[in-house]
Amino acid sequence: MLREEQRDNSLDFIKGVIIFLVIWGHMLQKTNQSMVYDSIWDNPIYKVIYAFHMPLFMSISGYLTFHSLKRRRGREFIKHRLLPMIQTVIAWGTIHMVNLLCIGQIGGLSDIVNSYTDGFWFIWAIIHCSILITLVDKARNTRLYYVTIILTFGLSVVSLVPSKTTFMYPFFLGSYLITDLNIRIPKRAYIGCAILYIVTLAYMISQTGSMDFNLRIHKESFWQIVSMDFLRWWVGILGCITVFLFMKRLFNYINNTRFAGRISLVGRKTLQIYVLNVVLLEDMYGLVLYPIIVRKIGCNILYLNAWLFNLVLAPFLSMIFITIALYVDKWFTKIPLARKIMYGK
């Protein structure tokens, strides 16, 4: 994290918007019980959210990592940045595993391992990308710089969440390099990116079936999988540029408002909201409470009008969840031992 006096509040604002989109997307996932859509990827709102929000989150992480490495290198970077994140995943992953065990969704060792990785894949991806970037950073100003960059792409596959890390690493690395080289995007280029983003996003929305990044390439669908992977990368890159610059300008316009201040506050708690999202929203709500509601009523009442739920109820419920998560986190911060165990600091 940046020191308080150096803190870029616009980044907190953007992170606050992104974590809201994360919760919104998960709310859509966990309330598709009636299978209104054959696949959650057939939900156009879900596609719009997932086209850019995690790539942009990873890009911001790459930027922050660049500045962290300027202050701390080697063991200090691992100690102050990576170890607390690993401890956070292990602590909250244990709660997640116990939750799954209580509802009968742990059937063996692989399920136990998945309870620590799948739900927290983004944090593991950040940890892995940060380790790879330390190799790149160490090779700066040497002849091995570009060789190291290429090598780290291959190493991104060797991960607890290989598909996710390989998909996210270009955004992390790209942001690091753009910050290092101090690259600025001209206004005309931004307009061109925005137009291309809208066009490619519209094409992506028109496609059917899952659009998860996939490393399981086989003969029968080689080109289909490769083309979809590159489409996700392309849309993600254009989305990062378009949305980031738009949100920066929006923040500059509303900087002094109470709304911007509250969103920025949420942006400072993204890690806490993300892990609480797994154990509260995905476990308690998605796997326990909501299925009970659906069974009792006999239908998915929230999807009686899918568009109303997508655009009104889901974001409203997401705001309620974030408010609850902030109160839970506030309780944790009052107990030093709990904060040390659950967040490593």
Protein backbone atom coordinates (compact mmCIF):
# COMPACT_ATOMS: atom_id res chain seq x y z
CA MET A 1 0.00 0.00 0.00
CA LEU A 2 1.09 3.57 -0.54
CA ARG A 3 1.93 5.60 2.53
CA GLU A 4 -0.98 7.72 3.68
CA GLU A 5 0.64 11.00 2.64
CA GLN A 6 1.37 9.54 -0.83
CA ARG A 7 -1.96 7.82 -1.22
CA ASP A 8 -3.77 8.29 -4.51
CA ASN A 9 -7.40 8.59 -3.48
CA SER A 10 -8.55 8.12 -7.06
CA LEU A 11 -7.15 4.57 -6.94
CA ASP A 12 -9.13 3.88 -3.77
CA PHE A 13 -12.21 5.22 -5.53
CA ILE A 14 -11.65 2.93 -8.55
CA LYS A 15 -10.96 -0.04 -6.28
CA GLY A 16 -14.17 0.71 -4.41
CA VAL A 17 -16.15 0.63 -7.65
CA ILE A 18 -14.44 -2.60 -8.72
CA ILE A 19 -15.10 -4.46 -5.46
CA PHE A 20 -18.74 -3.40 -5.75
CA LEU A 21 -18.77 -4.98 -9.23
CA VAL A 22 -17.14 -8.12 -7.80
CA ILE A 23 -19.95 -8.49 -5.26
CA TRP A 24 -22.55 -7.66 -7.91
CA GLY A 25 -21.16 -10.39 -10.16
CA HIS A 26 -21.12 -12.93 -7.35
CA MET A 27 -24.68 -11.97 -6.43
CA LEU A 28 -25.72 -12.81 -9.99
CA GLN A 29 -23.89 -16.14 -9.78
CA LYS A 30 -25.38 -17.20 -6.47
CA THR A 31 -28.96 -16.38 -7.41
CA ASN A 32 -29.11 -18.27 -10.69
CA GLN A 33 -30.76 -21.19 -8.86
CA SER A 34 -33.69 -21.42 -11.25
CA MET A 35 -31.31 -21.56 -14.22
CA VAL A 36 -32.95 -18.60 -15.91
CA TYR A 37 -29.77 -18.66 -17.98
CA ASP A 38 -28.37 -22.03 -19.10
CA SER A 39 -24.97 -20.63 -18.13
CA ILE A 40 -24.18 -17.60 -16.02
CA TRP A 41 -22.13 -16.45 -19.03
CA ASP A 42 -25.41 -16.06 -20.94
CA ASN A 43 -26.30 -13.20 -18.58
CA PRO A 44 -25.27 -10.04 -20.49
CA ILE A 45 -24.81 -7.97 -17.32
CA TYR A 46 -22.47 -10.61 -15.94
CA LYS A 47 -20.45 -10.49 -19.18
CA VAL A 48 -20.16 -6.71 -19.05
CA ILE A 49 -18.88 -6.84 -15.46
CA TYR A 50 -16.43 -9.69 -16.02
CA ALA A 51 -15.07 -8.20 -19.24
CA PHE A 52 -12.89 -5.75 -17.33
CA HIS A 53 -13.30 -5.68 -13.55
CA MET A 54 -10.74 -8.32 -12.49
CA PRO A 55 -8.20 -7.32 -15.19
CA LEU A 56 -8.46 -3.72 -13.96
CA PHE A 57 -8.10 -4.85 -10.35
CA MET A 58 -4.96 -6.78 -11.33
CA SER A 59 -3.59 -3.79 -13.25
CA ILE A 60 -3.93 -1.59 -10.17
CA SER A 61 -2.18 -4.29 -8.14
CA GLY A 62 0.71 -4.22 -10.63
CA TYR A 63 0.98 -0.46 -10.25
CA LEU A 64 0.99 -0.68 -6.45
CA THR A 65 3.55 -3.50 -6.55
CA PHE A 66 5.90 -1.31 -8.60
CA HIS A 67 5.84 1.33 -5.88
CA SER A 68 6.10 -1.28 -3.11
CA LEU A 69 9.26 -2.68 -4.71
CA LYS A 70 10.77 0.81 -4.76
CA ARG A 71 10.50 0.88 -0.96
CA ARG A 72 11.03 -2.78 -0.09
CA ARG A 73 12.88 -5.49 -1.98
CA GLY A 74 13.56 -9.17 -1.51
CA ARG A 75 12.81 -10.47 1.96
CA GLU A 76 11.27 -7.19 3.11
CA PHE A 77 8.77 -7.24 0.24
CA ILE A 78 7.87 -10.88 0.94
CA LYS A 79 7.56 -10.23 4.67
CA HIS A 80 5.43 -7.08 4.52
CA ARG A 81 3.33 -7.73 1.41
CA LEU A 82 3.13 -11.42 0.52
CA LEU A 83 3.20 -13.26 3.86
CA PRO A 84 0.21 -11.32 5.30
CA MET A 85 -1.77 -12.16 2.15
CA ILE A 86 -0.87 -15.86 2.43
CA GLN A 87 -1.87 -15.87 6.09
CA THR A 88 -5.16 -14.16 5.20
CA VAL A 89 -6.01 -16.82 2.61
CA ILE A 90 -5.12 -19.68 4.97
CA ALA A 91 -7.14 -18.22 7.84
CA TRP A 92 -10.26 -17.43 5.83
CA GLY A 93 -9.79 -20.55 3.70
CA THR A 94 -10.05 -22.63 6.87
CA ILE A 95 -13.39 -21.00 7.69
CA HIS A 96 -14.52 -21.59 4.10
CA MET A 97 -13.47 -25.25 4.32
CA VAL A 98 -15.35 -25.73 7.60
CA ASN A 99 -18.44 -24.13 6.05
CA LEU A 100 -18.29 -26.53 3.09
CA LEU A 101 -17.68 -29.46 5.44
CA CYS A 102 -20.78 -28.57 7.48
CA ILE A 103 -23.02 -28.61 4.38
CA GLY A 104 -21.53 -31.82 3.01
CA GLN A 105 -19.51 -30.39 0.12
CA ILE A 106 -16.13 -31.77 1.23
CA GLY A 107 -15.69 -35.27 -0.15
CA GLY A 108 -11.93 -35.71 -0.11
CA LEU A 109 -8.49 -34.15 -0.11
CA SER A 110 -8.99 -32.41 -3.46
CA ASP A 111 -12.08 -30.64 -2.09
CA ILE A 112 -10.09 -29.47 0.94
CA VAL A 113 -7.35 -28.08 -1.30
CA ASN A 114 -9.92 -26.42 -3.58
CA SER A 115 -11.54 -24.72 -0.57
CA TYR A 116 -8.27 -22.85 -0.05
CA THR A 117 -7.68 -22.05 -3.71
CA ASP A 118 -10.85 -21.73 -5.82
CA GLY A 119 -12.75 -19.22 -3.69
CA PHE A 120 -9.64 -17.12 -3.11
CA TRP A 121 -8.15 -17.52 -6.59
CA PHE A 122 -7.65 -13.78 -7.10
CA ILE A 123 -5.48 -13.41 -3.99
CA TRP A 124 -3.38 -16.43 -5.00
CA ALA A 125 -3.03 -14.91 -8.48
CA ILE A 126 -1.80 -11.61 -6.97
CA ILE A 127 0.70 -13.49 -4.78
CA HIS A 128 2.03 -15.47 -7.75
CA CYS A 129 2.16 -12.42 -10.04
CA SER A 130 3.98 -10.46 -7.32
CA ILE A 131 6.63 -13.18 -7.05
CA LEU A 132 7.09 -13.17 -10.84
CA ILE A 133 7.40 -9.38 -10.87
CA THR A 134 10.15 -9.51 -8.25
CA LEU A 135 12.16 -11.54 -10.80
CA VAL A 136 11.45 -8.95 -13.48
CA ASP A 137 12.30 -6.11 -11.10
CA LYS A 138 15.58 -7.75 -10.14
CA ALA A 139 16.54 -7.98 -13.82
CA ARG A 140 15.88 -4.27 -14.48
CA ASN A 141 18.80 -2.47 -16.10
CA THR A 142 20.42 -5.78 -17.08
CA ARG A 143 20.71 -7.66 -20.38
CA LEU A 144 18.38 -10.34 -19.04
CA TYR A 145 15.46 -7.96 -18.54
CA TYR A 146 13.41 -8.94 -21.61
CA VAL A 147 14.40 -12.60 -21.31
CA THR A 148 13.13 -12.56 -17.73
CA ILE A 149 9.82 -11.02 -18.83
CA ILE A 150 9.30 -13.82 -21.37
CA LEU A 151 10.35 -16.45 -18.82
CA THR A 152 7.83 -15.23 -16.27
CA PHE A 153 5.00 -15.77 -18.75
CA GLY A 154 5.89 -19.46 -18.81
CA LEU A 155 6.18 -19.57 -15.03
CA SER A 156 2.69 -18.08 -14.66
CA VAL A 157 1.29 -21.51 -15.58
CA VAL A 158 3.01 -23.11 -12.56
CA SER A 159 0.41 -21.89 -10.09
CA LEU A 160 -2.22 -23.04 -7.62
CA VAL A 161 -4.73 -21.42 -9.99
CA PRO A 162 -2.90 -21.76 -13.36
CA SER A 163 -5.62 -20.58 -15.76
CA LYS A 164 -6.47 -17.56 -13.61
CA THR A 165 -2.83 -16.54 -13.06
CA THR A 166 -1.91 -16.94 -16.74
CA PHE A 167 -4.92 -14.82 -17.73
CA MET A 168 -4.20 -12.12 -15.15
CA TYR A 169 -0.41 -11.87 -15.39
CA PRO A 170 -0.31 -9.72 -18.60
CA PHE A 171 -2.43 -7.07 -16.86
CA PHE A 172 -0.22 -7.14 -13.76
CA LEU A 173 3.00 -7.03 -15.80
CA GLY A 174 1.64 -4.46 -18.26
CA SER A 175 0.75 -2.03 -15.48
CA TYR A 176 4.19 -2.53 -13.90
CA LEU A 177 5.94 -1.80 -17.22
CA ILE A 178 3.73 1.20 -18.06
CA THR A 179 4.52 2.68 -14.63
CA ASP A 180 8.23 1.93 -14.98
CA LEU A 181 8.43 3.49 -18.47
CA ASN A 182 6.10 6.37 -17.49
CA ILE A 183 3.90 5.82 -20.55
CA ARG A 184 0.99 8.23 -21.06
CA ILE A 185 -2.00 7.55 -23.30
CA PRO A 186 -2.92 10.46 -25.65
CA LYS A 187 -6.52 11.63 -25.75
CA ARG A 188 -7.04 10.41 -29.33
CA ALA A 189 -5.70 6.97 -28.43
CA TYR A 190 -8.10 6.85 -25.48
CA ILE A 191 -11.08 7.63 -27.71
CA GLY A 192 -9.96 4.90 -30.11
CA CYS A 193 -9.64 2.41 -27.22
CA ALA A 194 -13.12 3.31 -25.98
CA ILE A 195 -14.67 2.73 -29.41
CA LEU A 196 -12.83 -0.56 -29.89
CA TYR A 197 -13.84 -1.65 -26.40
CA ILE A 198 -17.52 -1.04 -27.08
CA VAL A 199 -17.35 -2.93 -30.37
CA THR A 200 -15.45 -5.94 -29.00
CA LEU A 201 -17.58 -6.02 -25.85
CA ALA A 202 -20.73 -6.11 -28.01
CA TYR A 203 -19.24 -9.03 -29.94
CA MET A 204 -18.38 -10.84 -26.70
CA ILE A 205 -21.92 -10.35 -25.38
CA SER A 206 -23.27 -11.88 -28.61
CA GLN A 207 -21.32 -15.12 -28.00
CA THR A 208 -22.91 -18.00 -26.08
CA GLY A 209 -21.47 -20.47 -23.59
CA SER A 210 -18.69 -20.19 -21.02
CA MET A 211 -16.01 -17.58 -21.58
CA ASP A 212 -13.68 -18.59 -18.76
CA PHE A 213 -10.02 -18.39 -19.73
CA ASN A 214 -9.00 -21.98 -20.52
CA LEU A 215 -5.59 -23.67 -20.65
CA ARG A 216 -7.10 -27.10 -21.39
CA ILE A 217 -6.49 -26.88 -25.14
CA HIS A 218 -7.22 -30.08 -27.09
CA LYS A 219 -7.45 -30.97 -30.77
CA GLU A 220 -11.23 -30.86 -31.06
CA SER A 221 -11.58 -27.24 -29.97
CA PHE A 222 -8.03 -25.83 -30.23
CA TRP A 223 -8.84 -22.73 -32.28
CA GLN A 224 -12.13 -22.12 -30.49
CA ILE A 225 -10.42 -22.08 -27.09
CA VAL A 226 -7.41 -20.06 -28.26
CA SER A 227 -9.58 -17.47 -30.00
CA MET A 228 -11.79 -17.12 -26.90
CA ASP A 229 -8.74 -16.71 -24.66
CA PHE A 230 -7.32 -13.98 -26.88
CA LEU A 231 -10.73 -12.29 -27.08
CA ARG A 232 -10.84 -12.16 -23.26
CA TRP A 233 -7.34 -10.66 -23.18
CA TRP A 234 -8.15 -8.11 -25.87
CA VAL A 235 -11.44 -7.03 -24.30
CA GLY A 236 -9.75 -6.92 -20.88
CA ILE A 237 -6.94 -4.66 -22.11
CA LEU A 238 -9.29 -2.26 -23.86
CA GLY A 239 -11.64 -2.32 -20.87
CA CYS A 240 -8.82 -1.53 -18.43
CA ILE A 241 -7.72 1.52 -20.41
CA THR A 242 -11.24 2.78 -21.10
CA VAL A 243 -12.72 2.29 -17.63
CA PHE A 244 -9.62 3.37 -15.71
CA LEU A 245 -9.26 6.71 -17.50
CA PHE A 246 -13.02 7.31 -17.33
CA MET A 247 -13.07 6.61 -13.58
CA LYS A 248 -10.03 8.86 -13.03
CA ARG A 249 -11.81 11.74 -14.76
CA LEU A 250 -15.04 11.03 -12.89
CA PHE A 251 -13.16 11.10 -9.58
CA ASN A 252 -11.55 14.44 -10.44
CA TYR A 253 -15.04 15.81 -11.08
CA ILE A 254 -16.66 14.49 -7.85
CA ASN A 255 -13.53 14.41 -5.68
CA ASN A 256 -14.92 16.57 -2.87
CA THR A 257 -18.31 14.87 -2.57
CA ARG A 258 -19.43 12.57 0.24
CA PHE A 259 -20.21 9.87 -2.34
CA ALA A 260 -16.60 9.79 -3.59
CA GLY A 261 -15.34 9.68 0.00
CA ARG A 262 -17.49 6.68 0.88
CA ILE A 263 -16.54 4.77 -2.27
CA SER A 264 -12.87 5.49 -1.54
CA LEU A 265 -13.35 4.14 1.99
CA VAL A 266 -14.72 0.92 0.50
CA GLY A 267 -11.70 0.85 -1.83
CA ARG A 268 -9.35 0.78 1.17
CA LYS A 269 -11.04 -2.41 2.42
CA THR A 270 -11.05 -4.50 -0.76
CA LEU A 271 -9.11 -7.45 0.71
CA GLN A 272 -11.39 -7.64 3.73
CA ILE A 273 -14.55 -7.39 1.61
CA TYR A 274 -13.23 -10.01 -0.83
CA VAL A 275 -12.55 -12.68 1.83
CA LEU A 276 -15.81 -11.94 3.66
CA ASN A 277 -17.57 -12.31 0.32
CA VAL A 278 -16.39 -15.93 0.20
CA VAL A 279 -17.50 -16.99 3.69
CA LEU A 280 -20.65 -14.86 3.92
CA LEU A 281 -22.02 -14.25 0.42
CA GLU A 282 -20.86 -17.41 -1.35
CA ASP A 283 -21.13 -19.83 1.60
CA MET A 284 -23.86 -18.61 3.95
CA TYR A 285 -26.05 -16.89 1.37
CA GLY A 286 -25.32 -18.70 -1.88
CA LEU A 287 -25.02 -22.28 -0.61
CA VAL A 288 -27.34 -22.25 2.40
CA LEU A 289 -29.84 -19.40 2.71
CA TYR A 290 -30.81 -18.78 -0.91
CA PRO A 291 -31.36 -22.46 -1.88
CA ILE A 292 -33.65 -22.76 1.16
CA ILE A 293 -35.63 -19.72 -0.01
CA VAL A 294 -35.93 -21.18 -3.51
CA ARG A 295 -37.12 -24.57 -2.19
CA LYS A 296 -39.65 -23.04 0.18
CA ILE A 297 -41.16 -20.73 -2.43
CA GLY A 298 -40.89 -23.21 -5.28
CA CYS A 299 -39.18 -20.79 -7.64
CA ASN A 300 -36.43 -18.22 -7.77
CA ILE A 301 -38.47 -15.19 -6.75
CA LEU A 302 -35.66 -12.76 -7.48
CA TYR A 303 -35.63 -13.90 -11.10
CA LEU A 304 -39.35 -13.49 -11.77
CA ASN A 305 -38.08 -10.46 -13.66
CA ALA A 306 -34.45 -11.11 -14.64
CA TRP A 307 -33.71 -7.56 -15.82
CA LEU A 308 -35.17 -6.04 -12.66
CA PHE A 309 -32.97 -8.30 -10.59
CA ASN A 310 -29.85 -7.77 -12.73
CA LEU A 311 -30.01 -3.98 -12.73
CA VAL A 312 -31.84 -3.09 -9.49
CA LEU A 313 -32.08 -5.82 -6.86
CA ALA A 314 -28.61 -7.35 -7.35
CA PRO A 315 -26.71 -4.05 -7.01
CA PHE A 316 -28.95 -3.07 -4.08
CA LEU A 317 -28.23 -6.36 -2.29
CA SER A 318 -24.53 -5.91 -3.10
CA MET A 319 -24.50 -2.54 -1.34
CA ILE A 320 -26.18 -4.12 1.69
CA PHE A 321 -23.56 -6.89 1.77
CA ILE A 322 -20.66 -4.42 1.52
CA THR A 323 -22.15 -2.45 4.42
CA ILE A 324 -22.37 -5.65 6.50
CA ALA A 325 -18.80 -6.61 5.54
CA LEU A 326 -17.49 -3.20 6.64
CA TYR A 327 -19.18 -3.58 10.02
CA VAL A 328 -17.73 -7.09 10.45
CA ASP A 329 -14.28 -5.79 9.52
CA LYS A 330 -14.69 -2.89 11.96
CA TRP A 331 -15.32 -5.43 14.70
CA PHE A 332 -12.15 -7.31 13.71
CA THR A 333 -10.02 -4.17 13.82
CA LYS A 334 -11.03 -3.67 17.46
CA ILE A 335 -9.53 -7.05 18.42
CA PRO A 336 -5.75 -7.04 17.81
CA LEU A 337 -5.42 -10.84 18.12
CA ALA A 338 -8.23 -11.49 15.64
CA ARG A 339 -6.73 -8.98 13.21
CA LYS A 340 -3.31 -10.61 13.57
CA ILE A 341 -4.66 -14.11 12.95
CA MET A 342 -7.08 -13.30 10.13
CA TYR A 343 -5.07 -10.63 8.27
CA GLY A 344 -1.49 -11.14 9.45
CA LYS A 345 -1.14 -7.58 10.71
